[in-house]
Amino acid sequence: MSLADAIYRRRCSDRPNGALRFHWYGGFEASCAGFAKTSFWQEMDCLRSCSIAGRSNGSFAGRRGSSPRVGAHGDLFPVNLRNRPFYVVNGGRDQLYPVDAVAPFMALFDEAGVDLTFVPKPESGHSTSWWPDEAEAIEAFLAAAPRDPYPDHVWWRTDRTDRYQRAHWIVIDELDAEAGNIDEFNQVIVGGRAYAAFPRRGPSGQLEVLRDGNEVTVTARGVRRYTLLLSAAEFDFDAPIVVHTNGEESFHGRVEKSPELLIKWATVDADRTMLFAAELSIEVGRNRAPAPPGGDVAGAGR
């Protein structure tokens, strides 16, 4: 992950076709990038071994709750995978992660609304011997889903706000541990018995954000405060921006562009296709404050 980012930065390259393709144990690493760092990737290819599942002491659970190799630490939430399509190839004779161990997770992801293509290869082992048969389909999969740096519909769930709290143009700034339970997709069925797919270590928060022109509708659960990053490519800064959170109007007014914020996020992302000129910080459950004279929020920064 850090190597790919370094290449992008050194070459000043745009990222619209940055597919993340992992082999061997990397099937799990690619999925972890979708769980924790979705913004920069076009789609995820989990090839050779889809090492999401594992058995330990007779129990069936996620292989691990994080992946340091792709910079993902913490709980994993299947709903985050909705932001990217997945193409998963798994060998039926894989000695480490056979299809019967992986299929329950594929069923879970499908239930969670993930755009998933799962291709079991009954005669293949822990190898890419199937590649000649699948290469054309995989390339078609890549071509059909170019990366959208400003998706209109974004989901994100996290258990921490120091990292992995952002997806594209939404940032979870503060969790609300007293908000109650979130609808959960975390159960796999194996041998007729239900098991937790991934461990849960503490409270988490989730946002679902839908943009229609200058109107943004947010469903927040377990989140006390969040930020919207605004791009001139998606929002009309000459017109009011309206934000509704959990059915209540939480912002209504014009927002000014800020050169400082543009530089800030350009430095963070190093991506010319994903530029943000303003921020809107929203406190969930707080009634909308009246806009200042003229209806403008200068920079709208935190």
Protein backbone atom coordinates (compact mmCIF):
# COMPACT_ATOMS: atom_id res chain seq x y z
CA MET A 1 0.00 0.00 0.00
CA SER A 2 2.73 2.49 0.94
CA LEU A 3 4.71 1.53 -2.19
CA ALA A 4 1.68 2.12 -4.43
CA ASP A 5 1.07 5.49 -2.80
CA ALA A 6 4.73 6.45 -3.22
CA ILE A 7 4.55 5.63 -6.94
CA TYR A 8 1.45 7.77 -7.35
CA ARG A 9 3.08 10.69 -5.54
CA ARG A 10 6.42 10.48 -7.35
CA ARG A 11 4.83 10.31 -10.78
CA CYS A 12 2.08 12.84 -9.93
CA SER A 13 -0.21 10.22 -11.39
CA ASP A 14 -3.99 10.31 -11.37
CA ARG A 15 -5.66 7.35 -9.70
CA PRO A 16 -8.80 6.49 -11.68
CA ASN A 17 -7.55 3.04 -12.71
CA GLY A 18 -5.85 2.01 -9.46
CA ALA A 19 -7.07 -1.56 -9.12
CA LEU A 20 -5.83 -3.42 -6.07
CA ARG A 21 -4.90 -6.96 -7.04
CA PHE A 22 -3.42 -9.37 -4.51
CA HIS A 23 -2.25 -12.96 -4.87
CA TRP A 24 -1.38 -15.68 -2.37
CA TYR A 25 -2.39 -14.52 1.08
CA GLY A 26 -3.17 -11.19 -0.48
CA GLY A 27 -6.81 -12.07 -1.05
CA PHE A 28 -7.25 -11.06 2.53
CA GLU A 29 -5.03 -7.99 2.15
CA ALA A 30 -7.13 -6.70 -0.74
CA SER A 31 -10.30 -7.12 1.27
CA CYS A 32 -8.70 -5.26 4.20
CA ALA A 33 -7.96 -2.31 1.93
CA GLY A 34 -11.66 -2.24 1.10
CA PHE A 35 -12.52 -2.42 4.79
CA ALA A 36 -10.16 0.38 5.87
CA LYS A 37 -8.84 2.41 2.89
CA THR A 38 -11.39 2.51 0.12
CA SER A 39 -10.91 6.00 -1.32
CA PHE A 40 -8.01 5.44 -3.69
CA TRP A 41 -8.86 2.13 -5.34
CA GLN A 42 -10.89 1.35 -8.43
CA GLU A 43 -11.85 -2.14 -7.32
CA MET A 44 -10.44 -5.13 -5.47
CA ASP A 45 -9.20 -8.39 -6.98
CA CYS A 46 -8.76 -11.22 -4.49
CA LEU A 47 -6.86 -13.88 -6.39
CA ARG A 48 -5.22 -17.24 -5.80
CA SER A 49 -6.22 -17.45 -2.14
CA CYS A 50 -9.13 -15.66 -0.58
CA SER A 51 -7.71 -15.92 2.92
CA ILE A 52 -10.53 -14.26 4.81
CA ALA A 53 -11.64 -17.28 6.77
CA GLY A 54 -9.87 -19.55 9.20
CA ARG A 55 -10.43 -22.03 12.00
CA SER A 56 -8.98 -21.84 15.46
CA ASN A 57 -9.66 -24.12 18.42
CA GLY A 58 -12.75 -25.48 16.73
CA SER A 59 -14.33 -22.06 16.21
CA PHE A 60 -15.02 -20.34 12.92
CA ALA A 61 -14.08 -16.70 12.72
CA GLY A 62 -12.31 -14.06 10.66
CA ARG A 63 -8.68 -14.91 9.99
CA ARG A 64 -7.67 -11.76 11.80
CA GLY A 65 -9.12 -8.40 12.68
CA SER A 66 -6.58 -6.33 10.81
CA SER A 67 -3.82 -6.36 8.25
CA PRO A 68 -0.69 -4.32 9.02
CA ARG A 69 0.66 -5.01 5.53
CA VAL A 70 -1.98 -2.74 4.03
CA GLY A 71 -2.08 -0.43 7.03
CA ALA A 72 -5.41 -1.73 8.34
CA HIS A 73 -5.71 -2.08 12.10
CA GLY A 74 -8.91 -2.51 14.08
CA ASP A 75 -12.34 -4.01 13.57
CA LEU A 76 -13.50 -4.91 10.07
CA PHE A 77 -17.01 -4.03 8.89
CA PRO A 78 -18.50 -5.68 5.78
CA VAL A 79 -20.67 -2.64 5.02
CA ASN A 80 -17.49 -0.76 4.05
CA LEU A 81 -17.02 -3.12 1.13
CA ARG A 82 -20.10 -1.63 -0.54
CA ASN A 83 -17.89 1.20 -1.80
CA ARG A 84 -15.95 -1.01 -4.22
CA PRO A 85 -16.69 -4.00 -6.48
CA PHE A 86 -14.86 -7.25 -5.73
CA TYR A 87 -13.73 -10.08 -7.98
CA VAL A 88 -12.82 -13.12 -5.90
CA VAL A 89 -11.29 -16.31 -7.27
CA ASN A 90 -10.81 -19.25 -4.91
CA GLY A 91 -9.43 -22.73 -5.48
CA GLY A 92 -11.57 -25.66 -4.40
CA ARG A 93 -8.45 -27.67 -3.56
CA ASP A 94 -6.71 -24.83 -1.75
CA GLN A 95 -5.08 -26.53 1.21
CA LEU A 96 -5.17 -23.40 3.39
CA TYR A 97 -8.43 -21.70 2.42
CA PRO A 98 -10.72 -24.06 0.52
CA VAL A 99 -13.98 -22.89 -0.96
CA ASP A 100 -16.06 -24.30 1.89
CA ALA A 101 -14.18 -22.01 4.33
CA VAL A 102 -14.47 -18.92 2.14
CA ALA A 103 -18.01 -19.31 0.77
CA PRO A 104 -19.76 -18.34 4.07
CA PHE A 105 -17.95 -15.01 3.98
CA MET A 106 -18.93 -14.46 0.37
CA ALA A 107 -22.55 -15.10 1.39
CA LEU A 108 -22.15 -12.57 4.21
CA PHE A 109 -20.74 -9.93 1.86
CA ASP A 110 -23.55 -10.56 -0.60
CA GLU A 111 -26.09 -10.14 2.21
CA ALA A 112 -24.36 -6.88 3.20
CA GLY A 113 -24.93 -5.47 -0.29
CA VAL A 114 -21.38 -5.81 -1.63
CA ASP A 115 -20.94 -5.81 -5.42
CA LEU A 116 -19.28 -9.22 -5.49
CA THR A 117 -18.26 -11.65 -8.19
CA PHE A 118 -17.22 -14.95 -6.59
CA VAL A 119 -15.65 -17.56 -8.85
CA PRO A 120 -14.83 -20.91 -7.19
CA LYS A 121 -12.38 -23.07 -9.11
CA PRO A 122 -13.06 -26.65 -7.92
CA GLU A 123 -9.99 -28.17 -9.56
CA SER A 124 -7.50 -25.46 -8.56
CA GLY A 125 -5.31 -25.39 -5.47
CA HIS A 126 -3.36 -22.59 -3.86
CA SER A 127 -2.23 -21.28 -7.24
CA THR A 128 -3.26 -19.24 -10.25
CA SER A 129 -3.48 -22.17 -12.64
CA TRP A 130 -6.96 -20.91 -13.54
CA TRP A 131 -5.64 -17.58 -14.83
CA PRO A 132 -5.92 -18.30 -18.59
CA ASP A 133 -9.61 -19.10 -18.13
CA GLU A 134 -10.36 -15.99 -16.05
CA ALA A 135 -8.04 -13.32 -17.47
CA GLU A 136 -10.55 -11.98 -19.99
CA ALA A 137 -13.36 -11.80 -17.42
CA ILE A 138 -11.10 -10.05 -14.91
CA GLU A 139 -9.98 -7.44 -17.44
CA ALA A 140 -13.61 -6.84 -18.40
CA PHE A 141 -14.42 -6.42 -14.71
CA LEU A 142 -11.69 -3.79 -14.41
CA ALA A 143 -12.83 -1.92 -17.50
CA ALA A 144 -16.48 -1.85 -16.38
CA ALA A 145 -15.85 -0.10 -13.07
CA PRO A 146 -13.65 3.02 -13.38
CA ARG A 147 -12.95 4.72 -10.08
CA ASP A 148 -15.27 7.54 -9.09
CA PRO A 149 -13.39 9.87 -6.71
CA TYR A 150 -16.66 11.59 -5.72
CA PRO A 151 -19.29 8.85 -5.44
CA ASP A 152 -22.79 10.16 -4.74
CA HIS A 153 -23.54 7.28 -2.38
CA VAL A 154 -21.01 6.38 0.31
CA TRP A 155 -21.11 4.08 3.34
CA TRP A 156 -18.55 4.04 6.10
CA ARG A 157 -18.25 2.45 9.52
CA THR A 158 -15.30 2.67 11.91
CA ASP A 159 -14.38 1.95 15.50
CA ARG A 160 -11.76 4.70 15.70
CA THR A 161 -11.35 8.33 14.71
CA ASP A 162 -7.58 8.67 14.62
CA ARG A 163 -7.37 6.67 11.39
CA TYR A 164 -9.65 4.72 9.02
CA GLN A 165 -12.35 7.29 9.74
CA ARG A 166 -12.66 8.55 6.15
CA ALA A 167 -14.18 7.34 2.91
CA HIS A 168 -13.83 9.70 -0.05
CA TRP A 169 -15.56 12.93 1.00
CA ILE A 170 -16.95 11.88 4.39
CA VAL A 171 -15.00 11.84 7.67
CA ILE A 172 -16.23 10.47 11.01
CA ASP A 173 -14.80 12.81 13.66
CA GLU A 174 -16.41 11.62 16.89
CA LEU A 175 -18.25 8.46 17.93
CA ASP A 176 -21.29 8.32 20.18
CA ALA A 177 -20.94 5.27 22.41
CA GLU A 178 -24.42 5.84 23.84
CA ALA A 179 -26.21 5.74 20.50
CA GLY A 180 -27.07 2.02 20.73
CA ASN A 181 -26.51 -0.87 18.39
CA ILE A 182 -26.00 -0.59 14.65
CA ASP A 183 -27.62 -2.95 12.18
CA GLU A 184 -24.98 -5.63 11.87
CA PHE A 185 -23.73 -7.80 9.03
CA ASN A 186 -21.34 -10.04 10.90
CA GLN A 187 -22.72 -13.57 10.95
CA VAL A 188 -21.61 -16.56 8.93
CA ILE A 189 -23.33 -19.94 8.85
CA VAL A 190 -21.07 -22.99 8.91
CA GLY A 191 -22.38 -26.52 9.32
CA GLY A 192 -25.77 -25.13 10.27
CA ARG A 193 -24.32 -23.07 13.13
CA ALA A 194 -23.95 -19.28 13.31
CA TYR A 195 -20.62 -17.65 14.15
CA ALA A 196 -19.36 -14.07 14.37
CA ALA A 197 -17.37 -13.37 11.22
CA PHE A 198 -15.13 -10.67 12.68
CA PRO A 199 -14.33 -9.73 16.29
CA ARG A 200 -15.87 -6.64 17.84
CA ARG A 201 -13.72 -4.85 20.42
CA GLY A 202 -15.83 -1.82 21.22
CA PRO A 203 -18.32 0.78 19.96
CA SER A 204 -18.35 1.95 16.37
CA GLY A 205 -20.14 4.52 14.23
CA GLN A 206 -21.58 4.42 10.74
CA LEU A 207 -22.56 6.94 8.08
CA GLU A 208 -24.57 6.48 4.93
CA VAL A 209 -24.35 9.59 2.75
CA LEU A 210 -26.34 10.32 -0.41
CA ARG A 211 -25.75 13.42 -2.56
CA ASP A 212 -28.23 14.83 -5.06
CA GLY A 213 -26.85 18.07 -6.48
CA ASN A 214 -26.30 20.44 -3.55
CA GLU A 215 -28.48 18.39 -1.21
CA VAL A 216 -26.89 15.79 1.07
CA THR A 217 -28.85 13.23 3.08
CA VAL A 218 -26.99 11.53 5.92
CA THR A 219 -28.01 8.59 8.07
CA ALA A 220 -25.77 8.55 11.14
CA ARG A 221 -25.65 5.80 13.75
CA GLY A 222 -23.22 5.85 16.60
CA VAL A 223 -21.70 9.11 15.28
CA ARG A 224 -21.69 12.35 17.24
CA ARG A 225 -19.82 14.52 14.75
CA TYR A 226 -18.74 14.20 11.11
CA THR A 227 -17.27 16.31 8.30
CA LEU A 228 -18.21 16.58 4.65
CA LEU A 229 -15.42 17.47 2.22
CA LEU A 230 -16.77 19.60 -0.60
CA SER A 231 -15.40 19.65 -4.13
CA ALA A 232 -16.22 22.20 -6.83
CA ALA A 233 -16.47 19.24 -9.19
CA GLU A 234 -19.59 18.06 -7.37
CA PHE A 235 -21.08 21.06 -5.56
CA ASP A 236 -22.21 24.45 -6.87
CA PHE A 237 -20.58 26.91 -4.47
CA ASP A 238 -22.70 29.76 -5.85
CA ALA A 239 -25.85 28.12 -4.48
CA PRO A 240 -26.86 27.04 -0.96
CA ILE A 241 -25.83 23.61 0.25
CA VAL A 242 -28.39 21.70 2.30
CA VAL A 243 -27.55 18.83 4.64
CA HIS A 244 -30.13 16.62 6.37
CA THR A 245 -28.97 14.28 9.14
CA ASN A 246 -31.34 11.58 10.38
CA GLY A 247 -34.28 13.46 8.91
CA GLU A 248 -33.40 16.87 10.37
CA GLU A 249 -31.89 19.84 8.56
CA SER A 250 -28.40 20.27 10.00
CA PHE A 251 -27.05 22.88 7.55
CA HIS A 252 -28.49 25.26 4.98
CA GLY A 253 -26.35 27.97 3.47
CA ARG A 254 -23.63 28.92 1.05
CA VAL A 255 -20.05 27.78 1.59
CA GLU A 256 -16.96 29.65 0.44
CA LYS A 257 -13.97 27.96 -1.11
CA SER A 258 -10.78 28.00 0.94
CA PRO A 259 -7.34 27.91 -0.73
CA GLU A 260 -5.87 26.69 2.56
CA LEU A 261 -8.22 23.70 2.68
CA LEU A 262 -7.59 22.94 -0.99
CA ILE A 263 -3.85 22.77 -0.30
CA LYS A 264 -4.41 20.77 2.89
CA TRP A 265 -6.35 17.96 1.20
CA ALA A 266 -4.26 18.01 -1.97
CA THR A 267 -1.22 17.39 0.25
CA VAL A 268 -2.97 14.57 2.10
CA ASP A 269 -4.33 12.80 -0.98
CA ALA A 270 -1.80 13.66 -3.71
CA ASP A 271 -4.60 13.03 -6.18
CA ARG A 272 -5.48 15.58 -8.86
CA THR A 273 -8.78 13.83 -9.47
CA MET A 274 -9.94 14.29 -5.87
CA LEU A 275 -9.72 17.93 -4.73
CA PHE A 276 -11.64 19.53 -1.86
CA ALA A 277 -12.01 23.27 -1.37
CA ALA A 278 -14.21 23.37 1.74
CA GLU A 279 -15.31 21.42 4.79
CA LEU A 280 -18.62 21.23 6.61
CA SER A 281 -18.49 20.01 10.20
CA ILE A 282 -21.83 18.63 11.40
CA GLU A 283 -22.80 17.78 14.97
CA VAL A 284 -25.46 15.06 14.94
CA GLY A 285 -28.68 15.92 16.76
CA ARG A 286 -27.89 19.61 17.07
CA ASN A 287 -30.40 21.97 15.54
CA ARG A 288 -29.15 24.00 12.61
CA ALA A 289 -27.63 27.34 13.56
CA PRO A 290 -28.77 30.27 11.40
CA ALA A 291 -26.40 31.12 8.57
CA PRO A 292 -24.32 34.29 9.04
CA PRO A 293 -25.28 37.50 7.18
CA GLY A 294 -25.09 36.86 3.46
CA GLY A 295 -25.58 33.16 4.00
CA ASP A 296 -21.91 32.31 3.54
CA VAL A 297 -19.73 30.12 5.72
CA ALA A 298 -16.15 31.19 5.11
CA GLY A 299 -14.13 28.07 4.42
CA ALA A 300 -16.53 26.10 6.62
CA GLY A 301 -13.48 24.58 8.24
CA ARG A 302 -13.32 23.08 11.69
